[in-house]
């Protein structure tokens, strides 16, 4: 199940996202944002999980 969040972005970023949609790179702005979030999570999730494991062992 997907949940909805509210996100505020600078107009320039919104315009660039819309250009990606207009060029056919993404079907809509929401999918472009989801792709960016997936990329961020893939890059950073393992580090965050490692850090949280270390904290739980210290407690």
PDB file of N, CA and C in Angstrom:
ATOM      1  N   UNK A   1       0.837  -1.185   0.000  1.00  0.00           N
ATOM      2  CA  UNK A   1       0.000   0.000   0.000  1.00  0.00           C
ATOM      3  C   UNK A   1       0.881   1.247   0.000  1.00  0.00           C
ATOM      4  N   UNK A   2       0.530   2.190  -0.817  1.00  0.00           N
ATOM      5  CA  UNK A   2       1.261   3.454  -0.852  1.00  0.00           C
ATOM      6  C   UNK A   2       0.571   4.465   0.045  1.00  0.00           C
ATOM      7  N   UNK A   3       1.379   5.285   0.680  1.00  0.00           N
ATOM      8  CA  UNK A   3       0.849   6.368   1.492  1.00  0.00           C
ATOM      9  C   UNK A   3       1.176   7.688   0.818  1.00  0.00           C
ATOM     10  N   UNK A   4       0.373   8.669   1.085  1.00  0.00           N
ATOM     11  CA  UNK A   4       0.566   9.984   0.499  1.00  0.00           C
ATOM     12  C   UNK A   4       1.335  10.862   1.479  1.00  0.00           C
ATOM     13  N   UNK A   5       2.282  11.636   0.948  1.00  0.00           N
ATOM     14  CA  UNK A   5       2.985  12.630   1.756  1.00  0.00           C
ATOM     15  C   UNK A   5       2.884  13.974   1.042  1.00  0.00           C
ATOM     16  N   UNK A   6       3.046  15.034   1.793  1.00  0.00           N
ATOM     17  CA  UNK A   6       3.077  16.372   1.215  1.00  0.00           C
ATOM     18  C   UNK A   6       4.528  16.803   1.136  1.00  0.00           C
ATOM     19  N   UNK A   7       4.892  17.355   0.008  1.00  0.00           N
ATOM     20  CA  UNK A   7       6.277  17.730  -0.226  1.00  0.00           C
ATOM     21  C   UNK A   7       6.317  19.113  -0.861  1.00  0.00           C
ATOM     22  N   UNK A   8       7.116  19.968  -0.307  1.00  0.00           N
ATOM     23  CA  UNK A   8       7.302  21.309  -0.888  1.00  0.00           C
ATOM     24  C   UNK A   8       8.673  21.358  -1.537  1.00  0.00           C
ATOM     25  N   UNK A   9       8.706  21.817  -2.780  1.00  0.00           N
ATOM     26  CA  UNK A   9       9.952  21.926  -3.534  1.00  0.00           C
ATOM     27  C   UNK A   9      10.045  23.313  -4.153  1.00  0.00           C
ATOM     28  N   UNK A  10      11.265  23.774  -4.374  1.00  0.00           N
ATOM     29  CA  UNK A  10      11.429  25.046  -5.077  1.00  0.00           C
ATOM     30  C   UNK A  10      10.859  24.944  -6.500  1.00  0.00           C
ATOM     31  N   UNK A  11      10.355  26.048  -6.981  1.00  0.00           N
ATOM     32  CA  UNK A  11       9.737  26.083  -8.309  1.00  0.00           C
ATOM     33  C   UNK A  11      10.681  25.564  -9.394  1.00  0.00           C
ATOM     34  N   UNK A  12      11.968  25.886  -9.292  1.00  0.00           N
ATOM     35  CA  UNK A  12      12.932  25.443 -10.299  1.00  0.00           C
ATOM     36  C   UNK A  12      12.989  23.916 -10.362  1.00  0.00           C
ATOM     37  N   UNK A  13      12.970  23.253  -9.205  1.00  0.00           N
ATOM     38  CA  UNK A  13      12.997  21.786  -9.199  1.00  0.00           C
ATOM     39  C   UNK A  13      11.717  21.205  -9.780  1.00  0.00           C
ATOM     40  N   UNK A  14      10.586  21.810  -9.470  1.00  0.00           N
ATOM     41  CA  UNK A  14       9.323  21.348 -10.031  1.00  0.00           C
ATOM     42  C   UNK A  14       9.329  21.502 -11.550  1.00  0.00           C
ATOM     43  N   UNK A  15       9.842  22.626 -12.026  1.00  0.00           N
ATOM     44  CA  UNK A  15       9.924  22.838 -13.477  1.00  0.00           C
ATOM     45  C   UNK A  15      10.809  21.787 -14.142  1.00  0.00           C
ATOM     46  N   UNK A  16      11.935  21.462 -13.508  1.00  0.00           N
ATOM     47  CA  UNK A  16      12.824  20.444 -14.073  1.00  0.00           C
ATOM     48  C   UNK A  16      12.168  19.067 -14.068  1.00  0.00           C
ATOM     49  N   UNK A  17      11.453  18.745 -12.994  1.00  0.00           N
ATOM     50  CA  UNK A  17      10.717  17.481 -12.955  1.00  0.00           C
ATOM     51  C   UNK A  17       9.693  17.433 -14.075  1.00  0.00           C
ATOM     52  N   UNK A  18       8.979  18.527 -14.285  1.00  0.00           N
ATOM     53  CA  UNK A  18       7.975  18.565 -15.351  1.00  0.00           C
ATOM     54  C   UNK A  18       8.627  18.419 -16.723  1.00  0.00           C
ATOM     55  N   UNK A  19       9.810  18.978 -16.897  1.00  0.00           N
ATOM     56  CA  UNK A  19      10.531  18.816 -18.165  1.00  0.00           C
ATOM     57  C   UNK A  19      10.898  17.352 -18.400  1.00  0.00           C
ATOM     58  N   UNK A  20      11.261  16.633 -17.325  1.00  0.00           N
ATOM     59  CA  UNK A  20      11.549  15.204 -17.452  1.00  0.00           C
ATOM     60  C   UNK A  20      10.308  14.438 -17.886  1.00  0.00           C
ATOM     61  N   UNK A  21       9.164  14.840 -17.355  1.00  0.00           N
ATOM     62  CA  UNK A  21       7.897  14.219 -17.759  1.00  0.00           C
ATOM     63  C   UNK A  21       7.599  14.556 -19.217  1.00  0.00           C
ATOM     64  N   UNK A  22       7.729  15.821 -19.566  1.00  0.00           N
ATOM     65  CA  UNK A  22       7.424  16.264 -20.929  1.00  0.00           C
ATOM     66  C   UNK A  22       8.316  15.589 -21.965  1.00  0.00           C
ATOM     67  N   UNK A  23       9.560  15.271 -21.562  1.00  0.00           N
ATOM     68  CA  UNK A  23      10.490  14.625 -22.501  1.00  0.00           C
ATOM     69  C   UNK A  23      10.253  13.114 -22.594  1.00  0.00           C
ATOM     70  N   UNK A  24       9.367  12.594 -21.739  1.00  0.00           N
ATOM     71  CA  UNK A  24       9.048  11.171 -21.779  1.00  0.00           C
ATOM     72  C   UNK A  24       9.888  10.310 -20.859  1.00  0.00           C
ATOM     73  N   UNK A  25      10.749  10.941 -20.069  1.00  0.00           N
ATOM     74  CA  UNK A  25      11.607  10.167 -19.168  1.00  0.00           C
ATOM     75  C   UNK A  25      10.801   9.501 -18.053  1.00  0.00           C
ATOM     76  N   UNK A  26       9.740  10.159 -17.616  1.00  0.00           N
ATOM     77  CA  UNK A  26       8.843   9.622 -16.592  1.00  0.00           C
ATOM     78  C   UNK A  26       7.410   9.870 -17.036  1.00  0.00           C
ATOM     79  N   UNK A  27       6.485   9.014 -16.610  1.00  0.00           N
ATOM     80  CA  UNK A  27       5.086   9.214 -17.011  1.00  0.00           C
ATOM     81  C   UNK A  27       4.412  10.394 -16.311  1.00  0.00           C
ATOM     82  N   UNK A  28       4.896  10.736 -15.116  1.00  0.00           N
ATOM     83  CA  UNK A  28       4.332  11.870 -14.370  1.00  0.00           C
ATOM     84  C   UNK A  28       5.329  12.300 -13.297  1.00  0.00           C
ATOM     85  N   UNK A  29       5.072  13.442 -12.691  1.00  0.00           N
ATOM     86  CA  UNK A  29       5.982  13.995 -11.687  1.00  0.00           C
ATOM     87  C   UNK A  29       6.072  13.079 -10.471  1.00  0.00           C
ATOM     88  N   UNK A  30       4.957  12.491 -10.079  1.00  0.00           N
ATOM     89  CA  UNK A  30       4.983  11.596  -8.915  1.00  0.00           C
ATOM     90  C   UNK A  30       5.944  10.438  -9.127  1.00  0.00           C
ATOM     91  N   UNK A  31       5.936   9.866 -10.329  1.00  0.00           N
ATOM     92  CA  UNK A  31       6.837   8.743 -10.598  1.00  0.00           C
ATOM     93  C   UNK A  31       8.293   9.209 -10.621  1.00  0.00           C
ATOM     94  N   UNK A  32       8.549  10.400 -11.084  1.00  0.00           N
ATOM     95  CA  UNK A  32       9.909  10.946 -11.060  1.00  0.00           C
ATOM     96  C   UNK A  32      10.397  11.100  -9.627  1.00  0.00           C
ATOM     97  N   UNK A  33       9.537  11.595  -8.750  1.00  0.00           N
ATOM     98  CA  UNK A  33       9.905  11.761  -7.338  1.00  0.00           C
ATOM     99  C   UNK A  33      10.101  10.390  -6.694  1.00  0.00           C
ATOM    100  N   UNK A  34       9.218   9.425  -6.996  1.00  0.00           N
ATOM    101  CA  UNK A  34       9.385   8.069  -6.443  1.00  0.00           C
ATOM    102  C   UNK A  34      10.720   7.467  -6.879  1.00  0.00           C
ATOM    103  N   UNK A  35      11.113   7.684  -8.131  1.00  0.00           N
ATOM    104  CA  UNK A  35      12.397   7.164  -8.616  1.00  0.00           C
ATOM    105  C   UNK A  35      13.556   7.793  -7.846  1.00  0.00           C
ATOM    106  N   UNK A  36      13.462   9.081  -7.586  1.00  0.00           N
ATOM    107  CA  UNK A  36      14.522   9.764  -6.835  1.00  0.00           C
ATOM    108  C   UNK A  36      14.603   9.240  -5.403  1.00  0.00           C
ATOM    109  N   UNK A  37      13.459   8.999  -4.788  1.00  0.00           N
ATOM    110  CA  UNK A  37      13.448   8.479  -3.420  1.00  0.00           C
ATOM    111  C   UNK A  37      14.009   7.054  -3.402  1.00  0.00           C
ATOM    112  N   UNK A  38      13.623   6.222  -4.378  1.00  0.00           N
ATOM    113  CA  UNK A  38      14.179   4.861  -4.443  1.00  0.00           C
ATOM    114  C   UNK A  38      15.698   4.895  -4.538  1.00  0.00           C
ATOM    115  N   UNK A  39      16.224   5.780  -5.378  1.00  0.00           N
ATOM    116  CA  UNK A  39      17.674   5.897  -5.535  1.00  0.00           C
ATOM    117  C   UNK A  39      18.340   6.319  -4.228  1.00  0.00           C
ATOM    118  N   UNK A  40      17.761   7.278  -3.546  1.00  0.00           N
ATOM    119  CA  UNK A  40      18.301   7.729  -2.259  1.00  0.00           C
ATOM    120  C   UNK A  40      18.295   6.593  -1.244  1.00  0.00           C
ATOM    121  N   UNK A  41      17.196   5.888  -1.156  1.00  0.00           N
ATOM    122  CA  UNK A  41      17.083   4.796  -0.191  1.00  0.00           C
ATOM    123  C   UNK A  41      18.090   3.697  -0.504  1.00  0.00           C
ATOM    124  N   UNK A  42      18.248   3.355  -1.775  1.00  0.00           N
ATOM    125  CA  UNK A  42      19.217   2.324  -2.148  1.00  0.00           C
ATOM    126  C   UNK A  42      20.635   2.727  -1.771  1.00  0.00           C
ATOM    127  N   UNK A  43      20.965   4.001  -1.928  1.00  0.00           N
ATOM    128  CA  UNK A  43      22.313   4.472  -1.632  1.00  0.00           C
ATOM    129  C   UNK A  43      22.580   4.588  -0.135  1.00  0.00           C
ATOM    130  N   UNK A  44      21.580   4.977   0.645  1.00  0.00           N
ATOM    131  CA  UNK A  44      21.827   5.337   2.036  1.00  0.00           C
ATOM    132  C   UNK A  44      21.259   4.383   3.070  1.00  0.00           C
ATOM    133  N   UNK A  45      20.335   3.518   2.711  1.00  0.00           N
ATOM    134  CA  UNK A  45      19.635   2.700   3.700  1.00  0.00           C
ATOM    135  C   UNK A  45      20.581   1.797   4.472  1.00  0.00           C
ATOM    136  N   UNK A  46      21.530   1.157   3.796  1.00  0.00           N
ATOM    137  CA  UNK A  46      22.403   0.222   4.511  1.00  0.00           C
ATOM    138  C   UNK A  46      23.233   0.942   5.572  1.00  0.00           C
ATOM    139  N   UNK A  47      23.683   2.144   5.278  1.00  0.00           N
ATOM    140  CA  UNK A  47      24.463   2.913   6.260  1.00  0.00           C
ATOM    141  C   UNK A  47      23.600   3.266   7.471  1.00  0.00           C
ATOM    142  N   UNK A  48      22.396   3.696   7.219  1.00  0.00           N
ATOM    143  CA  UNK A  48      21.499   4.063   8.316  1.00  0.00           C
ATOM    144  C   UNK A  48      21.184   2.841   9.166  1.00  0.00           C
ATOM    145  N   UNK A  49      20.936   1.707   8.531  1.00  0.00           N
ATOM    146  CA  UNK A  49      20.635   0.488   9.280  1.00  0.00           C
ATOM    147  C   UNK A  49      21.831   0.049  10.114  1.00  0.00           C
ATOM    148  N   UNK A  50      23.036   0.156   9.558  1.00  0.00           N
ATOM    149  CA  UNK A  50      24.241  -0.192  10.324  1.00  0.00           C
ATOM    150  C   UNK A  50      24.377   0.711  11.545  1.00  0.00           C
ATOM    151  N   UNK A  51      24.168   2.003  11.355  1.00  0.00           N
ATOM    152  CA  UNK A  51      24.285   2.941  12.469  1.00  0.00           C
ATOM    153  C   UNK A  51      23.234   2.659  13.535  1.00  0.00           C
ATOM    154  N   UNK A  52      22.023   2.315  13.132  1.00  0.00           N
ATOM    155  CA  UNK A  52      20.984   2.040  14.120  1.00  0.00           C
ATOM    156  C   UNK A  52      21.277   0.744  14.867  1.00  0.00           C
ATOM    157  N   UNK A  53      21.895  -0.241  14.199  1.00  0.00           N
ATOM    158  CA  UNK A  53      22.286  -1.480  14.874  1.00  0.00           C
ATOM    159  C   UNK A  53      23.350  -1.187  15.922  1.00  0.00           C
ATOM    160  N   UNK A  54      24.303  -0.318  15.594  1.00  0.00           N
ATOM    161  CA  UNK A  54      25.354   0.014  16.548  1.00  0.00           C
ATOM    162  C   UNK A  54      24.773   0.719  17.758  1.00  0.00           C
ATOM    163  N   UNK A  55      23.807   1.570  17.553  1.00  0.00           N
ATOM    164  CA  UNK A  55      23.180   2.274  18.659  1.00  0.00           C
ATOM    165  C   UNK A  55      22.433   1.299  19.541  1.00  0.00           C
ATOM    166  N   UNK A  56      21.744   0.347  18.960  1.00  0.00           N
ATOM    167  CA  UNK A  56      20.968  -0.599  19.765  1.00  0.00           C
ATOM    168  C   UNK A  56      21.886  -1.493  20.612  1.00  0.00           C
ATOM    169  N   UNK A  57      23.103  -1.782  20.120  1.00  0.00           N
ATOM    170  CA  UNK A  57      24.024  -2.591  20.914  1.00  0.00           C
ATOM    171  C   UNK A  57      24.605  -1.794  22.064  1.00  0.00           C
ATOM    172  N   UNK A  58      24.727  -0.477  21.924  1.00  0.00           N
ATOM    173  CA  UNK A  58      25.290   0.356  22.973  1.00  0.00           C
ATOM    174  C   UNK A  58      24.323   0.556  24.118  1.00  0.00           C
ATOM    175  N   UNK A  59      23.045   0.434  23.867  1.00  0.00           N
ATOM    176  CA  UNK A  59      22.029   0.698  24.905  1.00  0.00           C
ATOM    177  C   UNK A  59      21.948  -0.425  25.885  1.00  0.00           C
TER     178      UNK A  59
END
